[in-house]
Amino acid sequence: MFNALVMEQNEEGLASGSVKQLGIDDLPHAEVTVAVEYSTVNYKDGLCMSAKGGGLVRKYPHVPGIDFAGTVEESSDSRYKPGDRVVLTGWRVGEAHWGGYSQKARVKADWLVPLPEGIDARQAMAVGTAGLTAMLSVMALEDHGLEPGHGPVLVTGAAGGVGSVATAILAQLGHEVAAVTGRPETGDYLKELGATSIVAREDLTEVTRKPLESEQWAGCVDAVAGAMLGRVLKQMKYGSSVAAVGLAGGAAIEGALITPFILRGVNLLGIDSVMQPYDNRVRAWERIANDLPMGKLEAMVQPATLSNLPSLGADILKGQVKGRVVVDVNA
């Protein structure tokens, strides 16, 4: 028997979660069984732990947790053997499939990635889906020409999971990082991660009808969208790119015009971490091992256990979680 956070529906169709004991036969059928060591809390996890499942959970009972790291216990796939260290992100695990809020998980071999040397399971979840998304964003900006010295790179939602890791990676690579936050108390935290300047959220949320504004940003990792993205696009330098990774500010790009794309050649790059091909996931994790300063990673970490998860899920939906929550599923 082992512990897991199990979401169950009541007669009114509302879901709630509690830590329960499960048996190995309760797990879904798949090729690889993993002894999970750590998971984390992402915005999607908050949705999956909400009363309505955020429109993501297909059926109950359900075990959330969109990512996890641990050690292979059993495998019918030749790519993995007992003792292998692995990490999982994406593929709708924790949404349509049972996820990482459990001491054991059984998943398809295609969904796993070997952990690179130099990263343990706890560090992998300090990175997690948010950190992988941040690295994919930086890689996309680089693929479209961003180099250190081109000018300041803007990171919106900088105190969140994606933003924190993006700030640390960009600073480590030698970029000047402007970190956007609506929480002034996070300024020192962001500067410790490497931000060279702090931008108040309200400076970028006013919707304007100007077709363009003064060129300021050589690149941007945007986790907010909404009015902020509409404003940022007008301030991008010629030929620069925005990596769009989230929609905390709404799915619409308020106040946006076609002008930045046509007159300045600005690129809007959509970053998906869920269905990323295996080779690109491996590339991203190898870059994380090389380019993310692990010493700064600890400053982002908020420890948690399975029993903490329902309240943390509510907190992240309210924007009240800073950095990365790392869940020790065995504590």
C-alpha atoms as a PDB file:
ATOM      1  CA  MET A   1       0.000   0.000   0.000  1.00  0.00           C
ATOM      2  CA  PHE A   2       1.085   3.584  -0.604  1.00  0.00           C
ATOM      3  CA  ASN A   3      -0.233   7.115  -0.111  1.00  0.00           C
ATOM      4  CA  ALA A   4      -1.751   9.365  -2.762  1.00  0.00           C
ATOM      5  CA  LEU A   5      -3.850  12.499  -2.945  1.00  0.00           C
ATOM      6  CA  VAL A   6      -7.157  11.273  -4.360  1.00  0.00           C
ATOM      7  CA  MET A   7      -9.811  13.633  -5.760  1.00  0.00           C
ATOM      8  CA  GLU A   8     -13.366  12.315  -5.411  1.00  0.00           C
ATOM      9  CA  GLN A   9     -16.751  13.769  -6.357  1.00  0.00           C
ATOM     10  CA  ASN A  10     -19.740  14.109  -4.048  1.00  0.00           C
ATOM     11  CA  GLU A  11     -23.401  13.701  -5.044  1.00  0.00           C
ATOM     12  CA  GLU A  12     -23.522  17.322  -6.238  1.00  0.00           C
ATOM     13  CA  GLY A  13     -20.648  16.668  -8.616  1.00  0.00           C
ATOM     14  CA  LEU A  14     -18.137  18.742  -6.638  1.00  0.00           C
ATOM     15  CA  ALA A  15     -14.661  17.308  -6.112  1.00  0.00           C
ATOM     16  CA  SER A  16     -12.419  17.434  -3.059  1.00  0.00           C
ATOM     17  CA  GLY A  17      -9.124  15.777  -2.249  1.00  0.00           C
ATOM     18  CA  SER A  18      -7.681  13.833   0.655  1.00  0.00           C
ATOM     19  CA  VAL A  19      -4.690  11.584   1.251  1.00  0.00           C
ATOM     20  CA  LYS A  20      -5.704   7.937   0.915  1.00  0.00           C
ATOM     21  CA  GLN A  21      -3.956   4.581   0.696  1.00  0.00           C
ATOM     22  CA  LEU A  22      -3.943   2.789  -2.639  1.00  0.00           C
ATOM     23  CA  GLY A  23      -2.646  -0.588  -3.813  1.00  0.00           C
ATOM     24  CA  ILE A  24      -0.433  -1.246  -6.810  1.00  0.00           C
ATOM     25  CA  ASP A  25      -3.406  -2.780  -8.664  1.00  0.00           C
ATOM     26  CA  ASP A  26      -5.263   0.545  -8.387  1.00  0.00           C
ATOM     27  CA  LEU A  27      -2.768   2.188 -10.745  1.00  0.00           C
ATOM     28  CA  PRO A  28      -3.618   2.477 -14.455  1.00  0.00           C
ATOM     29  CA  HIS A  29      -2.103  -0.005 -16.892  1.00  0.00           C
ATOM     30  CA  ALA A  30       1.108   1.193 -18.590  1.00  0.00           C
ATOM     31  CA  GLU A  31       4.700   0.074 -19.219  1.00  0.00           C
ATOM     32  CA  VAL A  32       6.678   1.736 -16.430  1.00  0.00           C
ATOM     33  CA  THR A  33       6.093   1.868 -12.658  1.00  0.00           C
ATOM     34  CA  VAL A  34       7.945   4.682 -10.899  1.00  0.00           C
ATOM     35  CA  ALA A  35       8.638   5.163  -7.194  1.00  0.00           C
ATOM     36  CA  VAL A  36       7.853   8.869  -7.041  1.00  0.00           C
ATOM     37  CA  GLU A  37      10.089  11.000  -4.840  1.00  0.00           C
ATOM     38  CA  TYR A  38       8.972  14.558  -5.581  1.00  0.00           C
ATOM     39  CA  SER A  39       6.265  16.419  -7.434  1.00  0.00           C
ATOM     40  CA  THR A  40       5.333  20.100  -7.529  1.00  0.00           C
ATOM     41  CA  VAL A  41       2.419  22.541  -7.779  1.00  0.00           C
ATOM     42  CA  ASN A  42       1.631  24.275 -11.069  1.00  0.00           C
ATOM     43  CA  TYR A  43      -1.335  26.405 -12.120  1.00  0.00           C
ATOM     44  CA  LYS A  44      -2.876  23.402 -13.886  1.00  0.00           C
ATOM     45  CA  ASP A  45      -2.574  21.418 -10.642  1.00  0.00           C
ATOM     46  CA  GLY A  46      -4.594  24.109  -8.904  1.00  0.00           C
ATOM     47  CA  LEU A  47      -7.277  23.740 -11.563  1.00  0.00           C
ATOM     48  CA  CYS A  48      -7.285  19.942 -11.276  1.00  0.00           C
ATOM     49  CA  MET A  49      -7.687  20.173  -7.485  1.00  0.00           C
ATOM     50  CA  SER A  50     -10.571  22.648  -7.714  1.00  0.00           C
ATOM     51  CA  ALA A  51     -14.185  21.633  -7.145  1.00  0.00           C
ATOM     52  CA  LYS A  52     -14.923  21.437 -10.878  1.00  0.00           C
ATOM     53  CA  GLY A  53     -11.540  20.074 -11.930  1.00  0.00           C
ATOM     54  CA  GLY A  54     -10.846  23.162 -14.016  1.00  0.00           C
ATOM     55  CA  GLY A  55     -12.357  21.462 -17.048  1.00  0.00           C
ATOM     56  CA  LEU A  56      -9.243  19.258 -17.218  1.00  0.00           C
ATOM     57  CA  VAL A  57     -10.123  16.143 -15.191  1.00  0.00           C
ATOM     58  CA  ARG A  58     -12.028  13.565 -17.210  1.00  0.00           C
ATOM     59  CA  LYS A  59     -13.204  11.174 -14.519  1.00  0.00           C
ATOM     60  CA  TYR A  60     -13.049  10.476 -10.786  1.00  0.00           C
ATOM     61  CA  PRO A  61     -11.519   9.213  -8.591  1.00  0.00           C
ATOM     62  CA  HIS A  62      -8.441  11.021  -9.829  1.00  0.00           C
ATOM     63  CA  VAL A  63      -4.816  11.492  -8.735  1.00  0.00           C
ATOM     64  CA  PRO A  64      -3.531  14.936  -9.837  1.00  0.00           C
ATOM     65  CA  GLY A  65       0.078  16.079 -10.284  1.00  0.00           C
ATOM     66  CA  ILE A  66       1.216  17.084 -13.785  1.00  0.00           C
ATOM     67  CA  ASP A  67       4.877  16.296 -13.146  1.00  0.00           C
ATOM     68  CA  PHE A  68       7.073  14.102 -10.975  1.00  0.00           C
ATOM     69  CA  ALA A  69      10.596  12.723 -10.590  1.00  0.00           C
ATOM     70  CA  GLY A  70      11.673   9.405  -9.143  1.00  0.00           C
ATOM     71  CA  THR A  71      13.173   5.982  -9.787  1.00  0.00           C
ATOM     72  CA  VAL A  72      11.935   3.197 -12.049  1.00  0.00           C
ATOM     73  CA  GLU A  73      10.688   0.136 -10.118  1.00  0.00           C
ATOM     74  CA  GLU A  74       9.379  -2.001 -12.987  1.00  0.00           C
ATOM     75  CA  SER A  75       9.436  -1.646 -16.757  1.00  0.00           C
ATOM     76  CA  SER A  76       8.236  -3.717 -19.698  1.00  0.00           C
ATOM     77  CA  ASP A  77       9.894  -1.234 -22.068  1.00  0.00           C
ATOM     78  CA  SER A  78      13.532  -1.825 -22.993  1.00  0.00           C
ATOM     79  CA  ARG A  79      14.387   1.873 -22.687  1.00  0.00           C
ATOM     80  CA  TYR A  80      14.035   1.792 -18.900  1.00  0.00           C
ATOM     81  CA  LYS A  81      15.143  -0.604 -16.203  1.00  0.00           C
ATOM     82  CA  PRO A  82      14.761  -0.664 -12.394  1.00  0.00           C
ATOM     83  CA  GLY A  83      16.945   1.956 -10.778  1.00  0.00           C
ATOM     84  CA  ASP A  84      16.824   4.449 -13.657  1.00  0.00           C
ATOM     85  CA  ARG A  85      16.241   8.057 -12.568  1.00  0.00           C
ATOM     86  CA  VAL A  86      13.454   9.678 -14.572  1.00  0.00           C
ATOM     87  CA  VAL A  87      11.356  12.817 -14.823  1.00  0.00           C
ATOM     88  CA  LEU A  88       7.903  13.298 -16.318  1.00  0.00           C
ATOM     89  CA  THR A  89       6.219  16.465 -17.512  1.00  0.00           C
ATOM     90  CA  GLY A  90       3.226  16.950 -19.776  1.00  0.00           C
ATOM     91  CA  TRP A  91       1.250  14.458 -21.872  1.00  0.00           C
ATOM     92  CA  ARG A  92      -1.875  15.388 -19.855  1.00  0.00           C
ATOM     93  CA  VAL A  93      -0.628  13.350 -16.905  1.00  0.00           C
ATOM     94  CA  GLY A  94      -2.370  14.654 -13.787  1.00  0.00           C
ATOM     95  CA  GLU A  95      -5.262  15.805 -15.983  1.00  0.00           C
ATOM     96  CA  ALA A  96      -6.604  13.004 -18.187  1.00  0.00           C
ATOM     97  CA  HIS A  97      -4.257  10.438 -16.612  1.00  0.00           C
ATOM     98  CA  TRP A  98      -3.294   9.774 -13.007  1.00  0.00           C
ATOM     99  CA  GLY A  99      -0.316  11.857 -11.983  1.00  0.00           C
ATOM    100  CA  GLY A 100       2.458  12.470  -9.505  1.00  0.00           C
ATOM    101  CA  TYR A 101       0.661  13.197  -6.224  1.00  0.00           C
ATOM    102  CA  SER A 102       1.322   9.632  -5.206  1.00  0.00           C
ATOM    103  CA  GLN A 103       4.181   7.540  -3.881  1.00  0.00           C
ATOM    104  CA  LYS A 104       3.894   5.336  -6.974  1.00  0.00           C
ATOM    105  CA  ALA A 105       2.877   6.071 -10.561  1.00  0.00           C
ATOM    106  CA  ARG A 106       2.468   3.910 -13.641  1.00  0.00           C
ATOM    107  CA  VAL A 107       2.891   5.675 -16.992  1.00  0.00           C
ATOM    108  CA  LYS A 108       3.794   5.143 -20.637  1.00  0.00           C
ATOM    109  CA  ALA A 109       7.502   4.925 -21.381  1.00  0.00           C
ATOM    110  CA  ASP A 110       7.148   7.579 -24.110  1.00  0.00           C
ATOM    111  CA  TRP A 111       6.207  10.142 -21.462  1.00  0.00           C
ATOM    112  CA  LEU A 112       9.419   9.772 -19.451  1.00  0.00           C
ATOM    113  CA  VAL A 113      12.806  11.445 -19.876  1.00  0.00           C
ATOM    114  CA  PRO A 114      16.035  10.222 -18.213  1.00  0.00           C
ATOM    115  CA  LEU A 115      17.288  12.690 -15.634  1.00  0.00           C
ATOM    116  CA  PRO A 116      20.577  14.209 -16.809  1.00  0.00           C
ATOM    117  CA  GLU A 117      23.694  13.848 -14.700  1.00  0.00           C
ATOM    118  CA  GLY A 118      24.030  16.518 -12.034  1.00  0.00           C
ATOM    119  CA  ILE A 119      20.307  16.840 -11.255  1.00  0.00           C
ATOM    120  CA  ASP A 120      18.622  14.836  -8.496  1.00  0.00           C
ATOM    121  CA  ALA A 121      14.866  14.245  -8.156  1.00  0.00           C
ATOM    122  CA  ARG A 122      14.320  17.158  -5.775  1.00  0.00           C
ATOM    123  CA  GLN A 123      16.166  19.592  -8.038  1.00  0.00           C
ATOM    124  CA  ALA A 124      14.242  18.239 -11.025  1.00  0.00           C
ATOM    125  CA  MET A 125      10.988  19.204  -9.341  1.00  0.00           C
ATOM    126  CA  ALA A 126      12.348  22.558  -8.241  1.00  0.00           C
ATOM    127  CA  VAL A 127      12.636  22.962 -12.011  1.00  0.00           C
ATOM    128  CA  GLY A 128       9.503  20.986 -12.905  1.00  0.00           C
ATOM    129  CA  THR A 129       7.061  21.779 -15.693  1.00  0.00           C
ATOM    130  CA  ALA A 130       7.420  25.497 -15.042  1.00  0.00           C
ATOM    131  CA  GLY A 131      11.197  25.369 -15.346  1.00  0.00           C
ATOM    132  CA  LEU A 132      11.067  23.182 -18.443  1.00  0.00           C
ATOM    133  CA  THR A 133       8.677  25.697 -19.999  1.00  0.00           C
ATOM    134  CA  ALA A 134      11.061  28.517 -19.078  1.00  0.00           C
ATOM    135  CA  MET A 135      13.971  26.707 -20.732  1.00  0.00           C
ATOM    136  CA  LEU A 136      11.918  25.978 -23.854  1.00  0.00           C
ATOM    137  CA  SER A 137      11.089  29.693 -23.981  1.00  0.00           C
ATOM    138  CA  VAL A 138      14.738  30.725 -23.758  1.00  0.00           C
ATOM    139  CA  MET A 139      15.672  28.177 -26.430  1.00  0.00           C
ATOM    140  CA  ALA A 140      12.952  29.536 -28.745  1.00  0.00           C
ATOM    141  CA  LEU A 141      14.176  33.115 -28.261  1.00  0.00           C
ATOM    142  CA  GLU A 142      17.738  31.982 -29.016  1.00  0.00           C
ATOM    143  CA  ASP A 143      16.585  30.092 -32.105  1.00  0.00           C
ATOM    144  CA  HIS A 144      15.098  33.402 -33.315  1.00  0.00           C
ATOM    145  CA  GLY A 145      18.309  35.332 -32.818  1.00  0.00           C
ATOM    146  CA  LEU A 146      18.422  36.539 -29.204  1.00  0.00           C
ATOM    147  CA  GLU A 147      21.954  36.914 -27.865  1.00  0.00           C
ATOM    148  CA  PRO A 148      23.440  38.561 -24.767  1.00  0.00           C
ATOM    149  CA  GLY A 149      24.145  42.229 -25.435  1.00  0.00           C
ATOM    150  CA  HIS A 150      21.085  42.798 -27.614  1.00  0.00           C
ATOM    151  CA  GLY A 151      19.345  44.659 -24.784  1.00  0.00           C
ATOM    152  CA  PRO A 152      17.082  43.970 -21.825  1.00  0.00           C
ATOM    153  CA  VAL A 153      14.899  40.858 -21.855  1.00  0.00           C
ATOM    154  CA  LEU A 154      11.510  41.270 -20.179  1.00  0.00           C
ATOM    155  CA  VAL A 155      10.050  38.499 -18.001  1.00  0.00           C
ATOM    156  CA  THR A 156       6.406  38.960 -17.011  1.00  0.00           C
ATOM    157  CA  GLY A 157       4.920  37.176 -14.005  1.00  0.00           C
ATOM    158  CA  ALA A 158       8.526  36.974 -12.890  1.00  0.00           C
ATOM    159  CA  ALA A 159       7.903  35.841  -9.305  1.00  0.00           C
ATOM    160  CA  GLY A 160       5.899  32.817 -10.455  1.00  0.00           C
ATOM    161  CA  GLY A 161       7.303  29.420 -11.357  1.00  0.00           C
ATOM    162  CA  VAL A 162       8.047  29.997 -15.050  1.00  0.00           C
ATOM    163  CA  GLY A 163       9.175  33.562 -14.452  1.00  0.00           C
ATOM    164  CA  SER A 164      11.524  32.696 -11.597  1.00  0.00           C
ATOM    165  CA  VAL A 165      13.381  30.054 -13.586  1.00  0.00           C
ATOM    166  CA  ALA A 166      13.417  32.166 -16.764  1.00  0.00           C
ATOM    167  CA  THR A 167      14.929  35.062 -14.812  1.00  0.00           C
ATOM    168  CA  ALA A 168      17.671  32.857 -13.358  1.00  0.00           C
ATOM    169  CA  ILE A 169      18.514  31.203 -16.696  1.00  0.00           C
ATOM    170  CA  LEU A 170      18.608  34.450 -18.683  1.00  0.00           C
ATOM    171  CA  ALA A 171      20.791  36.145 -16.077  1.00  0.00           C
ATOM    172  CA  GLN A 172      23.146  33.147 -15.994  1.00  0.00           C
ATOM    173  CA  LEU A 173      23.481  33.367 -19.785  1.00  0.00           C
ATOM    174  CA  GLY A 174      24.533  37.012 -19.532  1.00  0.00           C
ATOM    175  CA  HIS A 175      21.316  38.813 -20.388  1.00  0.00           C
ATOM    176  CA  GLU A 176      20.064  41.982 -18.741  1.00  0.00           C
ATOM    177  CA  VAL A 177      16.722  40.913 -17.208  1.00  0.00           C
ATOM    178  CA  ALA A 178      13.796  43.223 -16.465  1.00  0.00           C
ATOM    179  CA  ALA A 179      11.410  41.372 -14.129  1.00  0.00           C
ATOM    180  CA  VAL A 180       7.728  42.325 -14.024  1.00  0.00           C
ATOM    181  CA  THR A 181       5.816  41.722 -10.791  1.00  0.00           C
ATOM    182  CA  GLY A 182       2.683  42.967  -9.101  1.00  0.00           C
ATOM    183  CA  ARG A 183       4.121  42.121  -5.689  1.00  0.00           C
ATOM    184  CA  PRO A 184       6.720  44.724  -4.637  1.00  0.00           C
ATOM    185  CA  GLU A 185       7.838  42.500  -1.765  1.00  0.00           C
ATOM    186  CA  THR A 186       9.309  40.038  -4.302  1.00  0.00           C
ATOM    187  CA  GLY A 187      11.798  42.585  -5.649  1.00  0.00           C
ATOM    188  CA  ASP A 188      14.743  41.404  -3.530  1.00  0.00           C
ATOM    189  CA  TYR A 189      13.952  37.765  -4.385  1.00  0.00           C
ATOM    190  CA  LEU A 190      14.007  38.557  -8.113  1.00  0.00           C
ATOM    191  CA  LYS A 191      17.264  40.472  -7.850  1.00  0.00           C
ATOM    192  CA  GLU A 192      18.824  37.498  -6.069  1.00  0.00           C
ATOM    193  CA  LEU A 193      17.825  35.395  -9.081  1.00  0.00           C
ATOM    194  CA  GLY A 194      19.666  37.840 -11.338  1.00  0.00           C
ATOM    195  CA  ALA A 195      17.124  40.495 -12.368  1.00  0.00           C
ATOM    196  CA  THR A 196      18.812  43.821 -13.075  1.00  0.00           C
ATOM    197  CA  SER A 197      15.617  45.870 -12.840  1.00  0.00           C
ATOM    198  CA  ILE A 198      12.095  45.490 -11.450  1.00  0.00           C
ATOM    199  CA  VAL A 199       9.085  46.676 -13.463  1.00  0.00           C
ATOM    200  CA  ALA A 200       5.786  47.286 -11.659  1.00  0.00           C
ATOM    201  CA  ARG A 201       2.911  45.332 -13.191  1.00  0.00           C
ATOM    202  CA  GLU A 202       0.702  48.428 -13.397  1.00  0.00           C
ATOM    203  CA  ASP A 203       3.252  50.048 -15.724  1.00  0.00           C
ATOM    204  CA  LEU A 204       2.311  47.528 -18.412  1.00  0.00           C
ATOM    205  CA  THR A 205      -1.384  46.805 -17.878  1.00  0.00           C
ATOM    206  CA  GLU A 206      -2.932  50.007 -19.216  1.00  0.00           C
ATOM    207  CA  VAL A 207      -4.561  49.342 -22.573  1.00  0.00           C
ATOM    208  CA  THR A 208      -3.474  51.924 -25.159  1.00  0.00           C
ATOM    209  CA  ARG A 209      -4.525  52.436 -28.759  1.00  0.00           C
ATOM    210  CA  LYS A 210      -1.103  53.584 -29.904  1.00  0.00           C
ATOM    211  CA  PRO A 211       0.049  51.416 -32.811  1.00  0.00           C
ATOM    212  CA  LEU A 212       3.640  51.374 -31.493  1.00  0.00           C
ATOM    213  CA  GLU A 213       5.664  52.658 -28.535  1.00  0.00           C
ATOM    214  CA  SER A 214       9.380  53.267 -28.010  1.00  0.00           C
ATOM    215  CA  GLU A 215      11.494  50.167 -28.624  1.00  0.00           C
ATOM    216  CA  GLN A 216      12.654  48.768 -25.259  1.00  0.00           C
ATOM    217  CA  TRP A 217      12.884  44.980 -25.121  1.00  0.00           C
ATOM    218  CA  ALA A 218      15.237  42.659 -27.012  1.00  0.00           C
ATOM    219  CA  GLY A 219      13.139  39.652 -26.019  1.00  0.00           C
ATOM    220  CA  CYS A 220      10.359  38.641 -23.668  1.00  0.00           C
ATOM    221  CA  VAL A 221       9.147  35.577 -21.788  1.00  0.00           C
ATOM    222  CA  ASP A 222       5.468  36.276 -21.156  1.00  0.00           C
ATOM    223  CA  ALA A 223       3.447  34.245 -18.651  1.00  0.00           C
ATOM    224  CA  VAL A 224       0.548  36.707 -18.392  1.00  0.00           C
ATOM    225  CA  ALA A 225      -0.981  37.551 -21.812  1.00  0.00           C
ATOM    226  CA  GLY A 226      -4.062  39.799 -21.708  1.00  0.00           C
ATOM    227  CA  ALA A 227      -3.533  43.549 -21.635  1.00  0.00           C
ATOM    228  CA  MET A 228       0.106  43.190 -20.608  1.00  0.00           C
ATOM    229  CA  LEU A 229       1.061  41.207 -23.703  1.00  0.00           C
ATOM    230  CA  GLY A 230      -0.797  43.681 -25.897  1.00  0.00           C
ATOM    231  CA  ARG A 231       1.259  46.505 -24.402  1.00  0.00           C
ATOM    232  CA  VAL A 232       4.589  44.647 -24.473  1.00  0.00           C
ATOM    233  CA  LEU A 233       4.270  43.789 -28.166  1.00  0.00           C
ATOM    234  CA  LYS A 234       4.235  47.509 -28.988  1.00  0.00           C
ATOM    235  CA  GLN A 235       7.484  48.018 -27.047  1.00  0.00           C
ATOM    236  CA  MET A 236       9.529  45.209 -28.611  1.00  0.00           C
ATOM    237  CA  LYS A 237      12.663  46.035 -30.585  1.00  0.00           C
ATOM    238  CA  TYR A 238      12.820  45.480 -34.324  1.00  0.00           C
ATOM    239  CA  GLY A 239      13.090  41.778 -35.214  1.00  0.00           C
ATOM    240  CA  SER A 240      12.724  40.639 -31.601  1.00  0.00           C
ATOM    241  CA  SER A 241      10.547  37.858 -30.233  1.00  0.00           C
ATOM    242  CA  VAL A 242       8.084  37.168 -27.421  1.00  0.00           C
ATOM    243  CA  ALA A 243       7.795  33.630 -26.056  1.00  0.00           C
ATOM    244  CA  ALA A 244       4.188  33.269 -24.849  1.00  0.00           C
ATOM    245  CA  VAL A 245       3.789  30.617 -22.150  1.00  0.00           C
ATOM    246  CA  GLY A 246       0.701  31.479 -20.094  1.00  0.00           C
ATOM    247  CA  LEU A 247      -2.585  33.320 -19.881  1.00  0.00           C
ATOM    248  CA  ALA A 248      -3.003  34.358 -16.268  1.00  0.00           C
ATOM    249  CA  GLY A 249      -4.184  37.753 -17.519  1.00  0.00           C
ATOM    250  CA  GLY A 250      -6.689  36.276 -19.961  1.00  0.00           C
ATOM    251  CA  ALA A 251      -6.599  34.483 -23.305  1.00  0.00           C
ATOM    252  CA  ALA A 252      -7.288  37.632 -25.347  1.00  0.00           C
ATOM    253  CA  ILE A 253      -4.410  39.976 -26.203  1.00  0.00           C
ATOM    254  CA  GLU A 254      -6.118  43.214 -25.251  1.00  0.00           C
ATOM    255  CA  GLY A 255      -5.199  46.331 -27.181  1.00  0.00           C
ATOM    256  CA  ALA A 256      -3.071  44.359 -29.630  1.00  0.00           C
ATOM    257  CA  LEU A 257      -2.693  45.504 -33.206  1.00  0.00           C
ATOM    258  CA  ILE A 258      -0.996  43.889 -36.202  1.00  0.00           C
ATOM    259  CA  THR A 259       1.416  46.841 -36.359  1.00  0.00           C
ATOM    260  CA  PRO A 260       4.338  45.379 -34.319  1.00  0.00           C
ATOM    261  CA  PHE A 261       4.405  42.263 -36.494  1.00  0.00           C
ATOM    262  CA  ILE A 262       4.378  44.122 -39.812  1.00  0.00           C
ATOM    263  CA  LEU A 263       6.357  47.304 -39.089  1.00  0.00           C
ATOM    264  CA  ARG A 264       8.908  45.849 -36.642  1.00  0.00           C
ATOM    265  CA  GLY A 265       8.993  42.197 -37.637  1.00  0.00           C
ATOM    266  CA  VAL A 266       8.180  41.093 -34.090  1.00  0.00           C
ATOM    267  CA  ASN A 267       7.672  37.342 -33.597  1.00  0.00           C
ATOM    268  CA  LEU A 268       5.087  35.881 -31.193  1.00  0.00           C
ATOM    269  CA  LEU A 269       6.242  32.357 -30.305  1.00  0.00           C
ATOM    270  CA  GLY A 270       3.792  29.969 -28.684  1.00  0.00           C
ATOM    271  CA  ILE A 271       5.521  27.655 -26.180  1.00  0.00           C
ATOM    272  CA  ASP A 272       3.888  24.295 -25.485  1.00  0.00           C
ATOM    273  CA  SER A 273       5.437  21.993 -22.902  1.00  0.00           C
ATOM    274  CA  VAL A 274       2.722  19.326 -22.902  1.00  0.00           C
ATOM    275  CA  MET A 275       3.278  17.625 -26.256  1.00  0.00           C
ATOM    276  CA  GLN A 276       6.937  18.500 -26.831  1.00  0.00           C
ATOM    277  CA  PRO A 277       8.789  15.817 -28.830  1.00  0.00           C
ATOM    278  CA  TYR A 278      11.123  13.570 -26.852  1.00  0.00           C
ATOM    279  CA  ASP A 279      14.333  14.879 -28.446  1.00  0.00           C
ATOM    280  CA  ASN A 280      13.487  18.488 -27.591  1.00  0.00           C
ATOM    281  CA  ARG A 281      12.658  17.516 -23.993  1.00  0.00           C
ATOM    282  CA  VAL A 282      16.049  15.826 -23.664  1.00  0.00           C
ATOM    283  CA  ARG A 283      17.734  18.898 -25.168  1.00  0.00           C
ATOM    284  CA  ALA A 284      15.894  21.190 -22.745  1.00  0.00           C
ATOM    285  CA  TRP A 285      16.789  19.107 -19.672  1.00  0.00           C
ATOM    286  CA  GLU A 286      20.435  19.011 -20.741  1.00  0.00           C
ATOM    287  CA  ARG A 287      20.386  22.801 -21.109  1.00  0.00           C
ATOM    288  CA  ILE A 288      18.803  23.090 -17.660  1.00  0.00           C
ATOM    289  CA  ALA A 289      21.629  20.998 -16.190  1.00  0.00           C
ATOM    290  CA  ASN A 290      24.177  23.323 -17.809  1.00  0.00           C
ATOM    291  CA  ASP A 291      22.546  26.773 -17.715  1.00  0.00           C
ATOM    292  CA  LEU A 292      20.351  26.945 -14.618  1.00  0.00           C
ATOM    293  CA  PRO A 293      22.355  27.987 -11.536  1.00  0.00           C
ATOM    294  CA  MET A 294      21.328  25.271  -9.081  1.00  0.00           C
ATOM    295  CA  GLY A 295      22.505  27.368  -6.140  1.00  0.00           C
ATOM    296  CA  LYS A 296      19.852  29.966  -6.974  1.00  0.00           C
ATOM    297  CA  LEU A 297      17.250  27.253  -7.427  1.00  0.00           C
ATOM    298  CA  GLU A 298      17.030  26.760  -3.665  1.00  0.00           C
ATOM    299  CA  ALA A 299      15.851  30.356  -3.208  1.00  0.00           C
ATOM    300  CA  MET A 300      12.763  29.481  -5.262  1.00  0.00           C
ATOM    301  CA  VAL A 301      11.763  26.386  -3.278  1.00  0.00           C
ATOM    302  CA  GLN A 302       8.817  26.158  -0.909  1.00  0.00           C
ATOM    303  CA  PRO A 303       8.610  22.626   0.589  1.00  0.00           C
ATOM    304  CA  ALA A 304       5.295  20.798   0.910  1.00  0.00           C
ATOM    305  CA  THR A 305       3.755  17.376   1.564  1.00  0.00           C
ATOM    306  CA  LEU A 306       0.734  15.566   0.138  1.00  0.00           C
ATOM    307  CA  SER A 307      -1.501  16.890   2.912  1.00  0.00           C
ATOM    308  CA  ASN A 308      -0.622  20.503   2.021  1.00  0.00           C
ATOM    309  CA  LEU A 309      -1.750  20.177  -1.571  1.00  0.00           C
ATOM    310  CA  PRO A 310      -5.467  21.152  -1.461  1.00  0.00           C
ATOM    311  CA  SER A 311      -4.719  24.513   0.183  1.00  0.00           C
ATOM    312  CA  LEU A 312      -1.715  25.147  -2.090  1.00  0.00           C
ATOM    313  CA  GLY A 313      -3.896  24.429  -5.122  1.00  0.00           C
ATOM    314  CA  ALA A 314      -6.270  27.173  -4.015  1.00  0.00           C
ATOM    315  CA  ASP A 315      -3.369  29.541  -3.321  1.00  0.00           C
ATOM    316  CA  ILE A 316      -1.767  29.198  -6.748  1.00  0.00           C
ATOM    317  CA  LEU A 317      -5.065  29.996  -8.464  1.00  0.00           C
ATOM    318  CA  LYS A 318      -5.133  33.249  -6.459  1.00  0.00           C
ATOM    319  CA  GLY A 319      -1.573  34.137  -7.473  1.00  0.00           C
ATOM    320  CA  GLN A 320      -0.341  33.684  -3.904  1.00  0.00           C
ATOM    321  CA  VAL A 321       2.479  31.184  -4.543  1.00  0.00           C
ATOM    322  CA  LYS A 322       6.039  32.478  -5.027  1.00  0.00           C
ATOM    323  CA  GLY A 323       8.667  30.474  -6.863  1.00  0.00           C
ATOM    324  CA  ARG A 324       8.450  26.688  -6.888  1.00  0.00           C
ATOM    325  CA  VAL A 325       6.546  24.406  -4.511  1.00  0.00           C
ATOM    326  CA  VAL A 326       8.377  21.079  -4.209  1.00  0.00           C
ATOM    327  CA  VAL A 327       6.213  18.272  -2.819  1.00  0.00           C
ATOM    328  CA  ASP A 328       7.916  15.424  -0.944  1.00  0.00           C
ATOM    329  CA  VAL A 329       5.343  12.695  -1.520  1.00  0.00           C
ATOM    330  CA  ASN A 330       7.031  10.430   1.054  1.00  0.00           C
ATOM    331  CA  ALA A 331       7.083  12.911   3.953  1.00  0.00           C
END
